[in-house]
Amino acid sequence: MWILVVAGTLFLVTHLGVSSTSLRTRLVGVLGQRGYLGVYSLLAITTLGYLIWSYGVVPRYDYFWELAPWLLWVPKILMPVAFIFLLGGFMVRNPTAVGLEGTLRDPELKDQLVRGLTRITRHPFQWSVVFWATSHMAANGDVASVVFFGTFAILGAAGGMLIDRKRAASLGDDWQPFRDATSNVPFAAIFSGRNKLIMKELYLPVLVGFCVYGLVFWGHDWVAGVPLM
């Protein structure tokens, strides 16, 4: 089991301890932007591969909780939402995404940023990871699965907060209007009255999300090696 814990720790350190801290700035200063991206990409791919390999070889004898038939419904409920967040997040310009920070300083674009999934959360990708990871933890229950999927759940939850901190530092006053009109936690801005849900902006994300979920559900045995019931 220790090999999986080490793999998860390395994966988190690479993503949260390098790309989301001041260490990134120092590395860019030494390696240059392209050099940093090259080294970081190599580290990210290597640690991800190590984590996946470790999960595949670790035996699953110990369980945190007993498996129950109703737990299998958790991913069936959350995964369509995860796909809607994942795919819908790419259907809007989002200044939290890499390379789109400048949209908040573009007068022609900044008023068009709060729409679709960004009304629900400004971090749809991160929350899709959280939904995927936590639902699969619930449906498995073994220690290895909790460590593996828990690593991604931590990454998704912490990633949104760290992105907010980086954008606040780099964009200053340009960040505040977007931050105030949106929320990290899904639906928090809507429930607090800072935003509103407009269903016509969600028709396409919901349709595409459900279609892709259906394909993944049908081909889960091929994708993950585990058939779904």
Protein backbone atom coordinates (compact mmCIF):
# COMPACT_ATOMS: atom_id res chain seq x y z
CA MET A 1 0.00 0.00 0.00
CA TRP A 2 2.89 2.36 0.72
CA ILE A 3 3.77 2.46 -2.98
CA LEU A 4 0.30 3.88 -3.75
CA VAL A 5 0.58 6.45 -0.96
CA VAL A 6 3.98 7.56 -2.28
CA ALA A 7 2.60 7.79 -5.82
CA GLY A 8 -0.37 9.87 -4.67
CA THR A 9 1.86 12.17 -2.64
CA LEU A 10 4.23 12.74 -5.57
CA PHE A 11 1.27 13.47 -7.85
CA LEU A 12 -0.16 16.05 -5.44
CA VAL A 13 3.22 17.66 -4.76
CA THR A 14 3.85 18.02 -8.48
CA HIS A 15 0.50 19.74 -9.07
CA LEU A 16 -0.13 21.65 -5.86
CA GLY A 17 3.38 22.13 -4.55
CA VAL A 18 4.95 23.30 -7.82
CA SER A 19 2.44 24.76 -10.25
CA SER A 20 0.36 26.55 -7.61
CA THR A 21 3.05 28.11 -5.43
CA SER A 22 5.82 30.68 -5.69
CA LEU A 23 8.16 27.84 -6.69
CA ARG A 24 6.63 28.05 -10.16
CA THR A 25 7.76 31.65 -10.54
CA ARG A 26 11.30 30.78 -9.50
CA LEU A 27 11.44 27.83 -11.87
CA VAL A 28 10.16 29.96 -14.76
CA GLY A 29 12.90 32.47 -13.95
CA VAL A 30 15.54 29.75 -14.20
CA LEU A 31 14.16 27.59 -17.01
CA GLY A 32 12.09 30.09 -18.97
CA GLN A 33 8.37 29.64 -19.69
CA ARG A 34 8.84 26.92 -22.32
CA GLY A 35 11.48 25.12 -20.29
CA TYR A 36 9.26 25.14 -17.23
CA LEU A 37 6.23 23.86 -19.16
CA GLY A 38 8.35 21.07 -20.65
CA VAL A 39 9.73 19.94 -17.30
CA TYR A 40 6.39 20.30 -15.54
CA SER A 41 4.54 18.35 -18.24
CA LEU A 42 7.09 15.54 -17.99
CA LEU A 43 6.74 15.42 -14.21
CA ALA A 44 2.94 15.50 -14.40
CA ILE A 45 2.76 12.66 -16.93
CA THR A 46 5.33 10.59 -15.03
CA THR A 47 3.65 10.95 -11.64
CA LEU A 48 0.21 10.28 -13.14
CA GLY A 49 1.49 7.14 -14.85
CA TYR A 50 3.15 6.00 -11.63
CA LEU A 51 -0.08 6.59 -9.69
CA ILE A 52 -2.19 4.61 -12.19
CA TRP A 53 0.34 1.78 -12.29
CA SER A 54 0.49 1.64 -8.49
CA TYR A 55 -3.29 1.41 -8.25
CA GLY A 56 -3.25 -1.48 -10.70
CA VAL A 57 -0.72 -3.58 -8.77
CA VAL A 58 -1.80 -2.94 -5.16
CA PRO A 59 -4.02 -5.75 -3.76
CA ARG A 60 -7.47 -4.78 -2.51
CA TYR A 61 -8.11 -6.84 0.57
CA ASP A 62 -8.92 -4.16 3.15
CA TYR A 63 -12.09 -2.05 3.07
CA PHE A 64 -13.10 1.13 4.85
CA TRP A 65 -16.80 0.31 4.49
CA GLU A 66 -18.93 -2.61 3.37
CA LEU A 67 -20.12 -2.49 -0.19
CA ALA A 68 -23.84 -2.11 -0.59
CA PRO A 69 -25.96 -2.14 -3.78
CA TRP A 70 -27.17 1.42 -3.19
CA LEU A 71 -23.58 2.72 -3.27
CA LEU A 72 -23.38 1.72 -6.93
CA TRP A 73 -25.97 4.42 -7.61
CA VAL A 74 -23.66 7.17 -6.37
CA PRO A 75 -21.51 7.28 -9.55
CA LYS A 76 -24.60 6.74 -11.71
CA ILE A 77 -26.04 9.93 -10.24
CA LEU A 78 -22.89 12.03 -9.97
CA MET A 79 -21.11 11.06 -13.17
CA PRO A 80 -23.65 12.68 -15.53
CA VAL A 81 -23.18 15.87 -13.49
CA ALA A 82 -19.41 15.44 -13.72
CA PHE A 83 -19.59 15.20 -17.52
CA ILE A 84 -21.88 18.23 -17.75
CA PHE A 85 -19.41 20.26 -15.67
CA LEU A 86 -16.39 18.91 -17.56
CA LEU A 87 -17.67 19.48 -21.08
CA GLY A 88 -19.79 22.52 -20.32
CA GLY A 89 -16.77 24.18 -18.77
CA PHE A 90 -15.02 24.13 -22.13
CA MET A 91 -18.02 25.74 -23.86
CA VAL A 92 -17.47 29.12 -22.19
CA ARG A 93 -14.57 31.50 -21.88
CA ASN A 94 -13.34 31.14 -18.32
CA PRO A 95 -10.58 33.40 -16.97
CA THR A 96 -9.62 30.70 -14.46
CA ALA A 97 -8.41 28.53 -17.37
CA VAL A 98 -4.78 28.58 -18.49
CA GLY A 99 -4.21 31.21 -21.15
CA LEU A 100 -7.56 32.99 -20.67
CA GLU A 101 -6.57 35.29 -17.82
CA GLY A 102 -6.42 38.24 -20.20
CA THR A 103 -10.13 38.00 -21.03
CA LEU A 104 -10.90 39.93 -17.84
CA ARG A 105 -8.96 42.89 -19.21
CA ASP A 106 -10.63 42.80 -22.64
CA PRO A 107 -13.58 45.23 -22.59
CA GLU A 108 -15.30 43.31 -25.39
CA LEU A 109 -15.13 39.99 -23.56
CA LYS A 110 -15.26 40.60 -19.83
CA ASP A 111 -19.03 41.18 -19.83
CA GLN A 112 -19.60 37.83 -21.59
CA LEU A 113 -17.67 35.62 -19.16
CA VAL A 114 -20.35 34.89 -16.59
CA ARG A 115 -22.65 32.52 -18.45
CA GLY A 116 -23.46 28.84 -18.71
CA LEU A 117 -21.48 26.70 -16.28
CA THR A 118 -19.59 29.69 -14.85
CA ARG A 119 -22.86 30.87 -13.32
CA ILE A 120 -22.85 27.65 -11.30
CA THR A 121 -19.13 27.56 -10.49
CA ARG A 122 -16.07 29.30 -11.83
CA HIS A 123 -14.19 25.98 -11.56
CA PRO A 124 -16.32 23.43 -13.47
CA PHE A 125 -13.35 21.25 -14.41
CA GLN A 126 -12.08 20.99 -10.85
CA TRP A 127 -15.54 20.07 -9.58
CA SER A 128 -15.98 17.46 -12.31
CA VAL A 129 -12.83 15.80 -10.96
CA VAL A 130 -14.22 15.96 -7.41
CA PHE A 131 -17.53 14.37 -8.50
CA TRP A 132 -15.75 11.64 -10.45
CA ALA A 133 -13.33 10.84 -7.64
CA THR A 134 -15.76 10.88 -4.71
CA SER A 135 -18.40 8.84 -6.55
CA HIS A 136 -15.86 6.16 -7.40
CA MET A 137 -14.58 6.13 -3.83
CA ALA A 138 -18.12 5.48 -2.61
CA ALA A 139 -18.71 2.66 -5.10
CA ASN A 140 -15.48 0.84 -4.26
CA GLY A 141 -14.75 1.30 -0.58
CA ASP A 142 -11.40 -0.51 -0.49
CA VAL A 143 -8.35 1.23 0.93
CA ALA A 144 -6.50 1.31 -2.39
CA SER A 145 -9.44 2.96 -4.16
CA VAL A 146 -9.90 5.52 -1.40
CA VAL A 147 -6.22 6.49 -1.64
CA PHE A 148 -6.26 6.57 -5.45
CA PHE A 149 -9.49 8.45 -6.00
CA GLY A 150 -8.97 10.52 -2.85
CA THR A 151 -5.80 11.90 -4.41
CA PHE A 152 -7.81 13.30 -7.30
CA ALA A 153 -10.55 14.58 -4.99
CA ILE A 154 -7.95 16.55 -3.02
CA LEU A 155 -6.43 17.86 -6.24
CA GLY A 156 -9.79 19.04 -7.55
CA ALA A 157 -10.92 20.67 -4.31
CA ALA A 158 -7.60 22.37 -3.54
CA GLY A 159 -6.97 23.29 -7.17
CA GLY A 160 -9.89 25.70 -7.38
CA MET A 161 -8.84 27.55 -4.24
CA LEU A 162 -5.23 27.84 -5.40
CA ILE A 163 -6.31 29.11 -8.84
CA ASP A 164 -8.41 31.79 -7.13
CA ARG A 165 -5.41 32.87 -5.11
CA LYS A 166 -3.18 33.04 -8.19
CA ARG A 167 -5.74 35.02 -10.19
CA ALA A 168 -6.26 37.49 -7.34
CA ALA A 169 -2.50 38.06 -7.14
CA SER A 170 -1.93 38.38 -10.90
CA LEU A 171 -5.08 40.26 -11.97
CA GLY A 172 -5.72 42.50 -8.97
CA ASP A 173 -8.82 44.68 -9.33
CA ASP A 174 -9.73 43.04 -12.66
CA TRP A 175 -10.38 39.78 -10.83
CA GLN A 176 -12.81 41.12 -8.23
CA PRO A 177 -15.94 41.66 -10.40
CA PHE A 178 -15.73 38.13 -11.80
CA ARG A 179 -15.04 36.67 -8.36
CA ASP A 180 -17.99 38.52 -6.84
CA ALA A 181 -20.39 37.40 -9.58
CA THR A 182 -19.38 33.73 -9.37
CA SER A 183 -18.50 31.15 -6.75
CA ASN A 184 -16.11 28.28 -6.27
CA VAL A 185 -18.70 26.08 -4.53
CA PRO A 186 -21.39 25.09 -7.09
CA PHE A 187 -24.58 27.19 -6.93
CA ALA A 188 -23.32 29.31 -4.00
CA ALA A 189 -23.44 32.54 -6.04
CA ILE A 190 -26.94 31.68 -7.29
CA PHE A 191 -28.31 30.83 -3.84
CA SER A 192 -26.79 34.03 -2.40
CA GLY A 193 -28.41 36.19 -5.10
CA ARG A 194 -25.14 37.23 -6.76
CA ASN A 195 -26.07 35.36 -9.93
CA LYS A 196 -29.00 33.56 -11.52
CA LEU A 197 -29.54 30.31 -13.34
CA ILE A 198 -30.45 30.69 -17.03
CA MET A 199 -31.53 27.32 -18.33
CA LYS A 200 -31.22 28.13 -22.04
CA GLU A 201 -27.46 28.54 -21.51
CA LEU A 202 -27.28 24.98 -20.16
CA TYR A 203 -29.20 23.04 -22.81
CA LEU A 204 -26.11 22.21 -24.87
CA PRO A 205 -23.83 21.30 -21.90
CA VAL A 206 -26.54 19.04 -20.47
CA LEU A 207 -27.20 17.35 -23.83
CA VAL A 208 -23.52 16.78 -24.60
CA GLY A 209 -22.78 15.72 -21.03
CA PHE A 210 -25.50 13.06 -21.01
CA CYS A 211 -24.51 11.78 -24.45
CA VAL A 212 -20.86 11.38 -23.48
CA TYR A 213 -21.86 9.81 -20.16
CA GLY A 214 -23.97 7.29 -22.08
CA LEU A 215 -21.01 6.39 -24.29
CA VAL A 216 -18.66 6.00 -21.31
CA PHE A 217 -21.25 3.98 -19.40
CA TRP A 218 -21.67 1.65 -22.38
CA GLY A 219 -17.89 1.33 -22.91
CA HIS A 220 -16.79 1.36 -19.26
CA ASP A 221 -15.48 -2.19 -19.49
CA TRP A 222 -13.21 -1.13 -22.36
CA VAL A 223 -12.18 2.18 -20.75
CA ALA A 224 -11.57 1.03 -17.17
CA GLY A 225 -11.59 -2.76 -17.42
CA VAL A 226 -14.63 -2.98 -15.15
CA PRO A 227 -18.14 -3.56 -16.54
CA LEU A 228 -21.00 -1.53 -15.07
CA MET A 229 -24.19 -3.14 -13.86
